[in-house]
Amino acid sequence: MNPLLNSLIVPVYGNSRSIRPLVETVEGIEQQVKGGLETIFVVDGSPDDSRERLLAALAGRQIKAQVVEHSRNFGSFAAIRTGMSRARGRYIAVMAADLQEPPELVVEFLRRLASGEVDVVAGERRSRDDRGDSASSLYWNLYRRFIMGEIPSGGVDVFACNVAVRDVICSLESVHTSLVAQLFWVGFRREMVPYDRRPSPGPSGWTFRRKLRYLSDSVFAFTDVPVRALWLIGLLGLVLGSVFAAAVLIARISGAISVPGYTATILVIVFFGSLNMVGLGIIGSYVWRAYETVKGRPGSIVRDVIEFPRGGHDE
């Protein structure tokens, strides 16, 4: 580890249109950061020609960089984790390849970490000018309510940490989890930096499917709310069932019922049958994630690494 070096991690997936401005932005950041900067671009199985454009844009530039390619798409958190594990700097920042966050945010992250007063710095959105604002607000409100109350109301997309936090994060051997939630779960001295998010240059990659996967990974990795909710529903069903059974018994003894009710029987069977199915699904989700972790499979696989030393020679 170089004690004077800073590392910047940029996960790349479907960003071919923004590659050239991305490289130019990184070059500008490098000129503003004290102590030097290395940039680790992690191409996460991108379906377009992002890798080829990235290699072409970096050729001949005075940028110290690594282009790391995954063997397939493992997800943005896996890409960030790969970049963190390969970082050589004392302070490590993460930036999105679509340039929705202002580049000055990375400079501010690294400046605050260099002060030695904080271990983790995360961006807190004051506003956002992209589509799906109300849906995202609802999403993060539910996230804060049931999973991680310390998460900012607008969520966290970019952050930075020192090497001590990086080592702890990379030592957590779990798959299908939330890197952001882990970042808040491990503790350390943390600080938020407010910023205004830029408009997205194209269709957002934060699709409903990705949100649902992110939410489920966070839920089953960081909270037992589903299990507790299932327990409460079961308890409520037991109480209601007992009351219903007592009412039926009293009516039967008093002669108000001569033939058992077919409708009531079917409703009870359907209700508790559905409850059992939901319960099996919830418990199965926890068991599956535990099984995936026990397998010991890596969260990502690196296919290729190409380095771009400053000035075209090794340092």
C-alpha atoms as a PDB file:
ATOM      1  CA  MET A   1       0.000   0.000   0.000  1.00  0.00           C
ATOM      2  CA  ASN A   2       1.267   3.451  -0.941  1.00  0.00           C
ATOM      3  CA  PRO A   3       0.488   5.779   2.024  1.00  0.00           C
ATOM      4  CA  LEU A   4       0.367   8.800  -0.289  1.00  0.00           C
ATOM      5  CA  LEU A   5      -1.755   7.268  -3.027  1.00  0.00           C
ATOM      6  CA  ASN A   6      -5.537   7.544  -3.415  1.00  0.00           C
ATOM      7  CA  SER A   7      -7.671   5.009  -5.263  1.00  0.00           C
ATOM      8  CA  LEU A   8     -10.809   5.646  -7.301  1.00  0.00           C
ATOM      9  CA  ILE A   9     -13.112   2.759  -8.240  1.00  0.00           C
ATOM     10  CA  VAL A  10     -15.471   3.057 -11.207  1.00  0.00           C
ATOM     11  CA  PRO A  11     -17.789   0.101 -12.006  1.00  0.00           C
ATOM     12  CA  VAL A  12     -18.612   0.018 -15.706  1.00  0.00           C
ATOM     13  CA  TYR A  13     -21.699  -1.606 -17.204  1.00  0.00           C
ATOM     14  CA  GLY A  14     -23.433  -0.395 -20.372  1.00  0.00           C
ATOM     15  CA  ASN A  15     -21.617   2.944 -20.313  1.00  0.00           C
ATOM     16  CA  SER A  16     -20.135   3.039 -23.814  1.00  0.00           C
ATOM     17  CA  ARG A  17     -21.644   6.467 -24.581  1.00  0.00           C
ATOM     18  CA  SER A  18     -20.083   8.105 -21.538  1.00  0.00           C
ATOM     19  CA  ILE A  19     -16.609   6.528 -21.655  1.00  0.00           C
ATOM     20  CA  ARG A  20     -14.727   9.479 -23.169  1.00  0.00           C
ATOM     21  CA  PRO A  21     -16.198  12.139 -20.835  1.00  0.00           C
ATOM     22  CA  LEU A  22     -15.669   9.679 -17.971  1.00  0.00           C
ATOM     23  CA  VAL A  23     -11.946   9.385 -18.690  1.00  0.00           C
ATOM     24  CA  GLU A  24     -11.654  13.157 -19.103  1.00  0.00           C
ATOM     25  CA  THR A  25     -13.413  13.622 -15.748  1.00  0.00           C
ATOM     26  CA  VAL A  26     -11.057  11.177 -14.037  1.00  0.00           C
ATOM     27  CA  GLU A  27      -8.103  13.021 -15.529  1.00  0.00           C
ATOM     28  CA  GLY A  28      -9.439  16.258 -14.052  1.00  0.00           C
ATOM     29  CA  ILE A  29      -9.937  14.652 -10.640  1.00  0.00           C
ATOM     30  CA  GLU A  30      -6.376  13.336 -10.661  1.00  0.00           C
ATOM     31  CA  GLN A  31      -5.034  16.855 -11.118  1.00  0.00           C
ATOM     32  CA  GLN A  32      -6.940  18.054  -8.035  1.00  0.00           C
ATOM     33  CA  VAL A  33      -6.093  15.236  -5.640  1.00  0.00           C
ATOM     34  CA  LYS A  34      -3.022  15.532  -3.454  1.00  0.00           C
ATOM     35  CA  GLY A  35      -0.747  12.522  -3.188  1.00  0.00           C
ATOM     36  CA  GLY A  36      -1.566  10.934  -6.526  1.00  0.00           C
ATOM     37  CA  LEU A  37      -4.481   8.898  -7.805  1.00  0.00           C
ATOM     38  CA  GLU A  38      -4.961   5.491  -9.352  1.00  0.00           C
ATOM     39  CA  THR A  39      -8.265   4.646 -11.023  1.00  0.00           C
ATOM     40  CA  ILE A  40      -9.627   1.121 -11.163  1.00  0.00           C
ATOM     41  CA  PHE A  41     -12.241   0.642 -13.874  1.00  0.00           C
ATOM     42  CA  VAL A  42     -14.114  -2.627 -13.283  1.00  0.00           C
ATOM     43  CA  VAL A  43     -15.957  -3.764 -16.412  1.00  0.00           C
ATOM     44  CA  ASP A  44     -18.696  -5.971 -14.991  1.00  0.00           C
ATOM     45  CA  GLY A  45     -19.573  -8.164 -17.964  1.00  0.00           C
ATOM     46  CA  SER A  46     -20.834  -5.156 -19.927  1.00  0.00           C
ATOM     47  CA  PRO A  47     -22.887  -6.205 -22.984  1.00  0.00           C
ATOM     48  CA  ASP A  48     -21.670  -3.277 -25.113  1.00  0.00           C
ATOM     49  CA  ASP A  49     -18.193  -2.163 -26.213  1.00  0.00           C
ATOM     50  CA  SER A  50     -17.434  -0.245 -23.010  1.00  0.00           C
ATOM     51  CA  ARG A  51     -14.183  -2.127 -22.475  1.00  0.00           C
ATOM     52  CA  GLU A  52     -12.841  -1.457 -25.964  1.00  0.00           C
ATOM     53  CA  ARG A  53     -13.770   2.223 -25.777  1.00  0.00           C
ATOM     54  CA  LEU A  54     -12.227   2.475 -22.339  1.00  0.00           C
ATOM     55  CA  LEU A  55      -8.928   0.991 -23.493  1.00  0.00           C
ATOM     56  CA  ALA A  56      -8.875   3.327 -26.481  1.00  0.00           C
ATOM     57  CA  ALA A  57      -9.663   6.389 -24.352  1.00  0.00           C
ATOM     58  CA  LEU A  58      -6.928   5.566 -21.828  1.00  0.00           C
ATOM     59  CA  ALA A  59      -4.232   4.952 -24.443  1.00  0.00           C
ATOM     60  CA  GLY A  60      -1.691   7.782 -24.453  1.00  0.00           C
ATOM     61  CA  ARG A  61      -3.198   9.601 -21.473  1.00  0.00           C
ATOM     62  CA  GLN A  62      -1.289  10.491 -18.337  1.00  0.00           C
ATOM     63  CA  ILE A  63      -3.544   8.447 -16.095  1.00  0.00           C
ATOM     64  CA  LYS A  64      -2.509   5.699 -13.712  1.00  0.00           C
ATOM     65  CA  ALA A  65      -5.256   3.134 -14.175  1.00  0.00           C
ATOM     66  CA  GLN A  66      -6.277  -0.496 -14.103  1.00  0.00           C
ATOM     67  CA  VAL A  67      -8.957  -1.930 -16.374  1.00  0.00           C
ATOM     68  CA  VAL A  68     -10.318  -5.025 -14.630  1.00  0.00           C
ATOM     69  CA  GLU A  69     -12.764  -7.222 -16.510  1.00  0.00           C
ATOM     70  CA  HIS A  70     -15.155  -9.677 -14.851  1.00  0.00           C
ATOM     71  CA  SER A  71     -15.805 -12.999 -16.562  1.00  0.00           C
ATOM     72  CA  ARG A  72     -19.527 -12.139 -16.554  1.00  0.00           C
ATOM     73  CA  ASN A  73     -21.946  -9.721 -14.931  1.00  0.00           C
ATOM     74  CA  PHE A  74     -21.859 -10.098 -11.139  1.00  0.00           C
ATOM     75  CA  GLY A  75     -23.529  -6.807 -10.185  1.00  0.00           C
ATOM     76  CA  SER A  76     -22.304  -3.343  -9.262  1.00  0.00           C
ATOM     77  CA  PHE A  77     -21.575  -4.236  -5.629  1.00  0.00           C
ATOM     78  CA  ALA A  78     -19.375  -7.130  -6.727  1.00  0.00           C
ATOM     79  CA  ALA A  79     -17.573  -4.783  -9.129  1.00  0.00           C
ATOM     80  CA  ILE A  80     -16.966  -2.249  -6.356  1.00  0.00           C
ATOM     81  CA  ARG A  81     -15.709  -4.983  -4.054  1.00  0.00           C
ATOM     82  CA  THR A  82     -13.300  -6.188  -6.755  1.00  0.00           C
ATOM     83  CA  GLY A  83     -11.985  -2.659  -7.152  1.00  0.00           C
ATOM     84  CA  MET A  84     -11.619  -2.245  -3.387  1.00  0.00           C
ATOM     85  CA  SER A  85      -9.622  -5.455  -3.102  1.00  0.00           C
ATOM     86  CA  ARG A  86      -7.204  -4.277  -5.821  1.00  0.00           C
ATOM     87  CA  ALA A  87      -6.835  -0.716  -4.524  1.00  0.00           C
ATOM     88  CA  ARG A  88      -3.306   0.255  -3.498  1.00  0.00           C
ATOM     89  CA  GLY A  89      -4.127   3.619  -1.986  1.00  0.00           C
ATOM     90  CA  ARG A  90      -4.685   4.610   1.609  1.00  0.00           C
ATOM     91  CA  TYR A  91      -8.022   6.221   0.785  1.00  0.00           C
ATOM     92  CA  ILE A  92     -10.528   4.650  -1.596  1.00  0.00           C
ATOM     93  CA  ALA A  93     -13.424   6.412  -3.315  1.00  0.00           C
ATOM     94  CA  VAL A  94     -16.218   5.096  -5.525  1.00  0.00           C
ATOM     95  CA  MET A  95     -17.689   6.979  -8.482  1.00  0.00           C
ATOM     96  CA  ALA A  96     -20.482   6.054 -10.907  1.00  0.00           C
ATOM     97  CA  ALA A  97     -19.576   5.768 -14.591  1.00  0.00           C
ATOM     98  CA  ASP A  98     -22.689   7.661 -15.751  1.00  0.00           C
ATOM     99  CA  LEU A  99     -21.307  10.875 -14.184  1.00  0.00           C
ATOM    100  CA  GLN A 100     -24.526  11.704 -12.328  1.00  0.00           C
ATOM    101  CA  GLU A 101     -22.488  12.675  -9.288  1.00  0.00           C
ATOM    102  CA  PRO A 102     -20.348  15.826  -9.557  1.00  0.00           C
ATOM    103  CA  PRO A 103     -16.606  15.014  -9.803  1.00  0.00           C
ATOM    104  CA  GLU A 104     -15.917  17.541  -7.040  1.00  0.00           C
ATOM    105  CA  LEU A 105     -17.597  15.072  -4.691  1.00  0.00           C
ATOM    106  CA  VAL A 106     -14.719  12.594  -5.067  1.00  0.00           C
ATOM    107  CA  VAL A 107     -12.180  15.325  -4.340  1.00  0.00           C
ATOM    108  CA  GLU A 108     -14.121  16.319  -1.225  1.00  0.00           C
ATOM    109  CA  PHE A 109     -14.384  12.674  -0.111  1.00  0.00           C
ATOM    110  CA  LEU A 110     -10.618  12.195  -0.300  1.00  0.00           C
ATOM    111  CA  ARG A 111      -9.926  15.550   1.348  1.00  0.00           C
ATOM    112  CA  ARG A 112     -12.089  14.690   4.354  1.00  0.00           C
ATOM    113  CA  LEU A 113     -10.559  11.243   4.716  1.00  0.00           C
ATOM    114  CA  ALA A 114      -7.061  12.753   4.581  1.00  0.00           C
ATOM    115  CA  SER A 115      -7.953  14.898   7.605  1.00  0.00           C
ATOM    116  CA  GLY A 116      -7.909  11.724   9.696  1.00  0.00           C
ATOM    117  CA  GLU A 117     -11.126  12.697  11.449  1.00  0.00           C
ATOM    118  CA  VAL A 118     -13.392  10.210   9.634  1.00  0.00           C
ATOM    119  CA  ASP A 119     -13.119   6.670   8.283  1.00  0.00           C
ATOM    120  CA  VAL A 120     -16.112   6.633   5.940  1.00  0.00           C
ATOM    121  CA  VAL A 121     -17.591   9.437   3.835  1.00  0.00           C
ATOM    122  CA  ALA A 122     -20.819   8.956   1.872  1.00  0.00           C
ATOM    123  CA  GLY A 123     -22.759  11.194  -0.488  1.00  0.00           C
ATOM    124  CA  GLU A 124     -26.179  12.346   0.672  1.00  0.00           C
ATOM    125  CA  ARG A 125     -28.477  13.541  -2.113  1.00  0.00           C
ATOM    126  CA  ARG A 126     -30.174  16.845  -1.421  1.00  0.00           C
ATOM    127  CA  SER A 127     -32.102  16.611  -4.680  1.00  0.00           C
ATOM    128  CA  ARG A 128     -32.249  14.446  -7.752  1.00  0.00           C
ATOM    129  CA  ASP A 129     -33.255  15.351 -11.272  1.00  0.00           C
ATOM    130  CA  ASP A 130     -34.020  11.969 -12.761  1.00  0.00           C
ATOM    131  CA  ARG A 131     -37.034   9.829 -13.454  1.00  0.00           C
ATOM    132  CA  GLY A 132     -38.838   7.796 -10.819  1.00  0.00           C
ATOM    133  CA  ASP A 133     -38.236  10.267  -7.995  1.00  0.00           C
ATOM    134  CA  SER A 134     -41.379   9.391  -6.008  1.00  0.00           C
ATOM    135  CA  ALA A 135     -40.834   5.652  -6.433  1.00  0.00           C
ATOM    136  CA  SER A 136     -37.212   5.949  -5.289  1.00  0.00           C
ATOM    137  CA  SER A 137     -38.250   8.033  -2.285  1.00  0.00           C
ATOM    138  CA  LEU A 138     -40.775   5.379  -1.271  1.00  0.00           C
ATOM    139  CA  TYR A 139     -38.159   2.680  -1.792  1.00  0.00           C
ATOM    140  CA  TRP A 140     -35.577   4.341   0.444  1.00  0.00           C
ATOM    141  CA  ASN A 141     -38.165   5.224   3.084  1.00  0.00           C
ATOM    142  CA  LEU A 142     -39.077   1.541   3.370  1.00  0.00           C
ATOM    143  CA  TYR A 143     -35.374   0.679   3.393  1.00  0.00           C
ATOM    144  CA  ARG A 144     -34.749   3.056   6.295  1.00  0.00           C
ATOM    145  CA  ARG A 145     -37.836   1.865   8.163  1.00  0.00           C
ATOM    146  CA  PHE A 146     -37.260  -1.869   8.012  1.00  0.00           C
ATOM    147  CA  ILE A 147     -33.577  -2.478   7.212  1.00  0.00           C
ATOM    148  CA  MET A 148     -31.058   0.231   8.023  1.00  0.00           C
ATOM    149  CA  GLY A 149     -32.280   3.378   9.722  1.00  0.00           C
ATOM    150  CA  GLU A 150     -28.901   5.107   9.367  1.00  0.00           C
ATOM    151  CA  ILE A 151     -29.126   5.177   5.575  1.00  0.00           C
ATOM    152  CA  PRO A 152     -29.885   8.707   4.256  1.00  0.00           C
ATOM    153  CA  SER A 153     -33.419   9.270   2.988  1.00  0.00           C
ATOM    154  CA  GLY A 154     -32.183   9.471  -0.604  1.00  0.00           C
ATOM    155  CA  GLY A 155     -30.008   6.371  -0.373  1.00  0.00           C
ATOM    156  CA  VAL A 156     -26.263   6.105  -1.013  1.00  0.00           C
ATOM    157  CA  ASP A 157     -24.728   5.706  -4.456  1.00  0.00           C
ATOM    158  CA  VAL A 158     -21.135   6.840  -3.892  1.00  0.00           C
ATOM    159  CA  PHE A 159     -18.827   6.726  -0.906  1.00  0.00           C
ATOM    160  CA  ALA A 160     -15.204   6.630   0.182  1.00  0.00           C
ATOM    161  CA  CYS A 161     -13.347   4.927   3.009  1.00  0.00           C
ATOM    162  CA  ASN A 162      -9.881   4.397   4.357  1.00  0.00           C
ATOM    163  CA  VAL A 163      -7.931   1.177   3.984  1.00  0.00           C
ATOM    164  CA  ALA A 164      -8.905  -0.065   7.469  1.00  0.00           C
ATOM    165  CA  VAL A 165     -12.609  -0.016   6.553  1.00  0.00           C
ATOM    166  CA  ARG A 166     -11.792  -1.584   3.175  1.00  0.00           C
ATOM    167  CA  ASP A 167     -10.042  -4.482   4.865  1.00  0.00           C
ATOM    168  CA  VAL A 168     -13.045  -5.140   7.108  1.00  0.00           C
ATOM    169  CA  ILE A 169     -15.540  -4.937   4.238  1.00  0.00           C
ATOM    170  CA  CYS A 170     -13.517  -7.266   2.028  1.00  0.00           C
ATOM    171  CA  SER A 171     -13.149  -9.757   4.876  1.00  0.00           C
ATOM    172  CA  LEU A 172     -16.919 -10.247   5.154  1.00  0.00           C
ATOM    173  CA  GLU A 173     -17.450 -13.547   3.367  1.00  0.00           C
ATOM    174  CA  SER A 174     -21.080 -13.319   2.350  1.00  0.00           C
ATOM    175  CA  VAL A 175     -22.821 -13.301  -1.005  1.00  0.00           C
ATOM    176  CA  HIS A 176     -26.180 -11.864  -2.070  1.00  0.00           C
ATOM    177  CA  THR A 177     -25.823  -8.973   0.337  1.00  0.00           C
ATOM    178  CA  SER A 178     -25.765  -5.174   0.248  1.00  0.00           C
ATOM    179  CA  LEU A 179     -22.374  -3.472   0.205  1.00  0.00           C
ATOM    180  CA  VAL A 180     -23.907  -0.155   1.279  1.00  0.00           C
ATOM    181  CA  ALA A 181     -25.659  -1.788   4.228  1.00  0.00           C
ATOM    182  CA  GLN A 182     -22.380  -3.461   5.187  1.00  0.00           C
ATOM    183  CA  LEU A 183     -20.670  -0.083   5.044  1.00  0.00           C
ATOM    184  CA  PHE A 184     -23.085   1.289   7.630  1.00  0.00           C
ATOM    185  CA  TRP A 185     -23.228  -1.922   9.650  1.00  0.00           C
ATOM    186  CA  VAL A 186     -19.460  -2.063  10.346  1.00  0.00           C
ATOM    187  CA  GLY A 187     -19.574   1.297  12.116  1.00  0.00           C
ATOM    188  CA  PHE A 188     -16.396   3.436  12.236  1.00  0.00           C
ATOM    189  CA  ARG A 189     -16.416   7.226  12.163  1.00  0.00           C
ATOM    190  CA  ARG A 190     -18.790   8.299   9.411  1.00  0.00           C
ATOM    191  CA  GLU A 191     -19.661  11.595   7.756  1.00  0.00           C
ATOM    192  CA  MET A 192     -22.187  12.563   5.077  1.00  0.00           C
ATOM    193  CA  VAL A 193     -21.516  15.052   2.284  1.00  0.00           C
ATOM    194  CA  PRO A 194     -24.630  16.618   0.690  1.00  0.00           C
ATOM    195  CA  TYR A 195     -24.743  17.071  -3.087  1.00  0.00           C
ATOM    196  CA  ASP A 196     -27.154  17.601  -5.976  1.00  0.00           C
ATOM    197  CA  ARG A 197     -27.413  14.748  -8.431  1.00  0.00           C
ATOM    198  CA  ARG A 198     -27.172  15.454 -12.137  1.00  0.00           C
ATOM    199  CA  PRO A 199     -29.750  14.311 -14.716  1.00  0.00           C
ATOM    200  CA  SER A 200     -29.153  10.872 -16.169  1.00  0.00           C
ATOM    201  CA  PRO A 201     -27.788  11.024 -19.752  1.00  0.00           C
ATOM    202  CA  GLY A 202     -29.767   7.939 -20.740  1.00  0.00           C
ATOM    203  CA  PRO A 203     -32.094   5.219 -19.469  1.00  0.00           C
ATOM    204  CA  SER A 204     -31.419   4.385 -15.853  1.00  0.00           C
ATOM    205  CA  GLY A 205     -29.851   1.011 -15.106  1.00  0.00           C
ATOM    206  CA  TRP A 206     -31.591   1.100 -11.710  1.00  0.00           C
ATOM    207  CA  THR A 207     -34.498  -0.993 -12.960  1.00  0.00           C
ATOM    208  CA  PHE A 208     -37.358  -2.382 -10.897  1.00  0.00           C
ATOM    209  CA  ARG A 209     -35.785  -5.826 -11.090  1.00  0.00           C
ATOM    210  CA  ARG A 210     -32.486  -4.524  -9.712  1.00  0.00           C
ATOM    211  CA  LYS A 211     -34.296  -2.604  -6.968  1.00  0.00           C
ATOM    212  CA  LEU A 212     -36.230  -5.722  -5.985  1.00  0.00           C
ATOM    213  CA  ARG A 213     -33.047  -7.800  -5.890  1.00  0.00           C
ATOM    214  CA  TYR A 214     -31.217  -5.131  -3.897  1.00  0.00           C
ATOM    215  CA  LEU A 215     -34.098  -4.866  -1.447  1.00  0.00           C
ATOM    216  CA  SER A 216     -34.401  -8.626  -0.968  1.00  0.00           C
ATOM    217  CA  ASP A 217     -30.633  -9.024  -0.475  1.00  0.00           C
ATOM    218  CA  SER A 218     -30.690  -6.254   2.117  1.00  0.00           C
ATOM    219  CA  VAL A 219     -33.764  -7.623   3.884  1.00  0.00           C
ATOM    220  CA  PHE A 220     -32.554 -11.198   4.200  1.00  0.00           C
ATOM    221  CA  ALA A 221     -28.968 -10.189   5.044  1.00  0.00           C
ATOM    222  CA  PHE A 222     -29.592  -7.468   7.612  1.00  0.00           C
ATOM    223  CA  THR A 223     -32.964  -7.908   9.268  1.00  0.00           C
ATOM    224  CA  ASP A 224     -35.239 -10.593  10.683  1.00  0.00           C
ATOM    225  CA  VAL A 225     -38.373  -8.526   9.991  1.00  0.00           C
ATOM    226  CA  PRO A 226     -39.901 -11.179   7.660  1.00  0.00           C
ATOM    227  CA  VAL A 227     -39.508 -13.880  10.294  1.00  0.00           C
ATOM    228  CA  ARG A 228     -40.950 -11.672  13.025  1.00  0.00           C
ATOM    229  CA  ALA A 229     -43.813 -10.637  10.733  1.00  0.00           C
ATOM    230  CA  LEU A 230     -44.522 -14.289   9.980  1.00  0.00           C
ATOM    231  CA  TRP A 231     -44.505 -15.068  13.707  1.00  0.00           C
ATOM    232  CA  LEU A 232     -46.965 -12.239  14.407  1.00  0.00           C
ATOM    233  CA  ILE A 233     -49.250 -13.309  11.554  1.00  0.00           C
ATOM    234  CA  GLY A 234     -49.168 -16.866  12.854  1.00  0.00           C
ATOM    235  CA  LEU A 235     -49.981 -15.680  16.363  1.00  0.00           C
ATOM    236  CA  LEU A 236     -52.843 -13.549  15.052  1.00  0.00           C
ATOM    237  CA  GLY A 237     -54.133 -16.499  13.041  1.00  0.00           C
ATOM    238  CA  LEU A 238     -53.976 -18.691  16.126  1.00  0.00           C
ATOM    239  CA  VAL A 239     -55.985 -16.174  18.145  1.00  0.00           C
ATOM    240  CA  LEU A 240     -58.579 -15.696  15.409  1.00  0.00           C
ATOM    241  CA  GLY A 241     -58.771 -19.453  14.855  1.00  0.00           C
ATOM    242  CA  SER A 242     -59.324 -20.052  18.575  1.00  0.00           C
ATOM    243  CA  VAL A 243     -62.088 -17.432  18.699  1.00  0.00           C
ATOM    244  CA  PHE A 244     -63.717 -18.891  15.593  1.00  0.00           C
ATOM    245  CA  ALA A 245     -63.477 -22.424  16.992  1.00  0.00           C
ATOM    246  CA  ALA A 246     -65.016 -21.321  20.296  1.00  0.00           C
ATOM    247  CA  ALA A 247     -67.869 -19.578  18.469  1.00  0.00           C
ATOM    248  CA  VAL A 248     -68.541 -22.639  16.342  1.00  0.00           C
ATOM    249  CA  LEU A 249     -68.447 -24.901  19.423  1.00  0.00           C
ATOM    250  CA  ILE A 250     -70.889 -22.709  21.324  1.00  0.00           C
ATOM    251  CA  ALA A 251     -73.205 -22.526  18.328  1.00  0.00           C
ATOM    252  CA  ARG A 252     -73.003 -26.286  17.912  1.00  0.00           C
ATOM    253  CA  ILE A 253     -73.833 -26.938  21.580  1.00  0.00           C
ATOM    254  CA  SER A 254     -76.746 -24.472  21.507  1.00  0.00           C
ATOM    255  CA  GLY A 255     -78.130 -26.140  18.388  1.00  0.00           C
ATOM    256  CA  ALA A 256     -77.664 -23.109  16.126  1.00  0.00           C
ATOM    257  CA  ILE A 257     -75.551 -25.204  13.744  1.00  0.00           C
ATOM    258  CA  SER A 258     -76.756 -28.582  12.588  1.00  0.00           C
ATOM    259  CA  VAL A 259     -74.375 -29.076   9.626  1.00  0.00           C
ATOM    260  CA  PRO A 260     -70.673 -28.010   9.604  1.00  0.00           C
ATOM    261  CA  GLY A 261     -70.108 -24.982   7.363  1.00  0.00           C
ATOM    262  CA  TYR A 262     -68.410 -25.818   4.093  1.00  0.00           C
ATOM    263  CA  THR A 263     -67.471 -22.194   3.286  1.00  0.00           C
ATOM    264  CA  ALA A 264     -65.872 -21.549   6.655  1.00  0.00           C
ATOM    265  CA  THR A 265     -63.846 -24.743   6.376  1.00  0.00           C
ATOM    266  CA  ILE A 266     -62.508 -23.814   2.921  1.00  0.00           C
ATOM    267  CA  LEU A 267     -61.610 -20.280   4.033  1.00  0.00           C
ATOM    268  CA  VAL A 268     -59.651 -21.571   7.010  1.00  0.00           C
ATOM    269  CA  ILE A 269     -57.817 -24.137   4.881  1.00  0.00           C
ATOM    270  CA  VAL A 270     -56.924 -21.571   2.204  1.00  0.00           C
ATOM    271  CA  PHE A 271     -55.775 -18.981   4.764  1.00  0.00           C
ATOM    272  CA  PHE A 272     -53.474 -21.259   6.725  1.00  0.00           C
ATOM    273  CA  GLY A 273     -52.293 -23.063   3.605  1.00  0.00           C
ATOM    274  CA  SER A 274     -51.256 -19.739   2.072  1.00  0.00           C
ATOM    275  CA  LEU A 275     -49.638 -18.695   5.352  1.00  0.00           C
ATOM    276  CA  ASN A 276     -47.568 -21.887   5.342  1.00  0.00           C
ATOM    277  CA  MET A 277     -46.450 -21.254   1.768  1.00  0.00           C
ATOM    278  CA  VAL A 278     -45.375 -17.701   2.598  1.00  0.00           C
ATOM    279  CA  GLY A 279     -43.549 -18.951   5.663  1.00  0.00           C
ATOM    280  CA  LEU A 280     -41.703 -21.602   3.675  1.00  0.00           C
ATOM    281  CA  GLY A 281     -40.703 -18.957   1.117  1.00  0.00           C
ATOM    282  CA  ILE A 282     -39.320 -16.618   3.785  1.00  0.00           C
ATOM    283  CA  ILE A 283     -37.425 -19.316   5.642  1.00  0.00           C
ATOM    284  CA  GLY A 284     -36.202 -20.731   2.333  1.00  0.00           C
ATOM    285  CA  SER A 285     -34.767 -17.339   1.360  1.00  0.00           C
ATOM    286  CA  TYR A 286     -32.674 -17.236   4.521  1.00  0.00           C
ATOM    287  CA  VAL A 287     -31.578 -20.860   4.129  1.00  0.00           C
ATOM    288  CA  TRP A 288     -30.647 -20.341   0.452  1.00  0.00           C
ATOM    289  CA  ARG A 289     -28.476 -17.322   1.242  1.00  0.00           C
ATOM    290  CA  ALA A 290     -26.753 -19.203   4.059  1.00  0.00           C
ATOM    291  CA  TYR A 291     -26.164 -22.132   1.716  1.00  0.00           C
ATOM    292  CA  GLU A 292     -24.714 -19.869  -0.983  1.00  0.00           C
ATOM    293  CA  THR A 293     -22.295 -18.407   1.558  1.00  0.00           C
ATOM    294  CA  VAL A 294     -21.278 -21.846   2.882  1.00  0.00           C
ATOM    295  CA  LYS A 295     -20.404 -22.971  -0.650  1.00  0.00           C
ATOM    296  CA  GLY A 296     -17.451 -20.593  -0.565  1.00  0.00           C
ATOM    297  CA  ARG A 297     -17.855 -19.475  -4.159  1.00  0.00           C
ATOM    298  CA  PRO A 298     -16.287 -16.091  -4.974  1.00  0.00           C
ATOM    299  CA  GLY A 299     -18.575 -13.108  -5.364  1.00  0.00           C
ATOM    300  CA  SER A 300     -16.906 -12.336  -8.688  1.00  0.00           C
ATOM    301  CA  ILE A 301     -14.303 -13.706 -11.089  1.00  0.00           C
ATOM    302  CA  VAL A 302     -11.677 -11.543 -12.787  1.00  0.00           C
ATOM    303  CA  ARG A 303     -10.989 -12.520 -16.389  1.00  0.00           C
ATOM    304  CA  ASP A 304      -8.380  -9.941 -17.336  1.00  0.00           C
ATOM    305  CA  VAL A 305      -6.459  -6.957 -15.946  1.00  0.00           C
ATOM    306  CA  ILE A 306      -4.733  -4.301 -18.030  1.00  0.00           C
ATOM    307  CA  GLU A 307      -2.671  -1.582 -16.348  1.00  0.00           C
ATOM    308  CA  PHE A 308      -1.893   1.860 -17.674  1.00  0.00           C
ATOM    309  CA  PRO A 309       1.184   3.257 -15.870  1.00  0.00           C
ATOM    310  CA  ARG A 310       1.638   7.029 -15.858  1.00  0.00           C
ATOM    311  CA  GLY A 311       3.734   8.237 -18.771  1.00  0.00           C
ATOM    312  CA  GLY A 312       3.678   4.807 -20.423  1.00  0.00           C
ATOM    313  CA  HIS A 313       6.238   3.144 -18.108  1.00  0.00           C
ATOM    314  CA  ASP A 314       6.124   1.224 -14.840  1.00  0.00           C
ATOM    315  CA  GLU A 315       6.531   3.144 -11.607  1.00  0.00           C
END
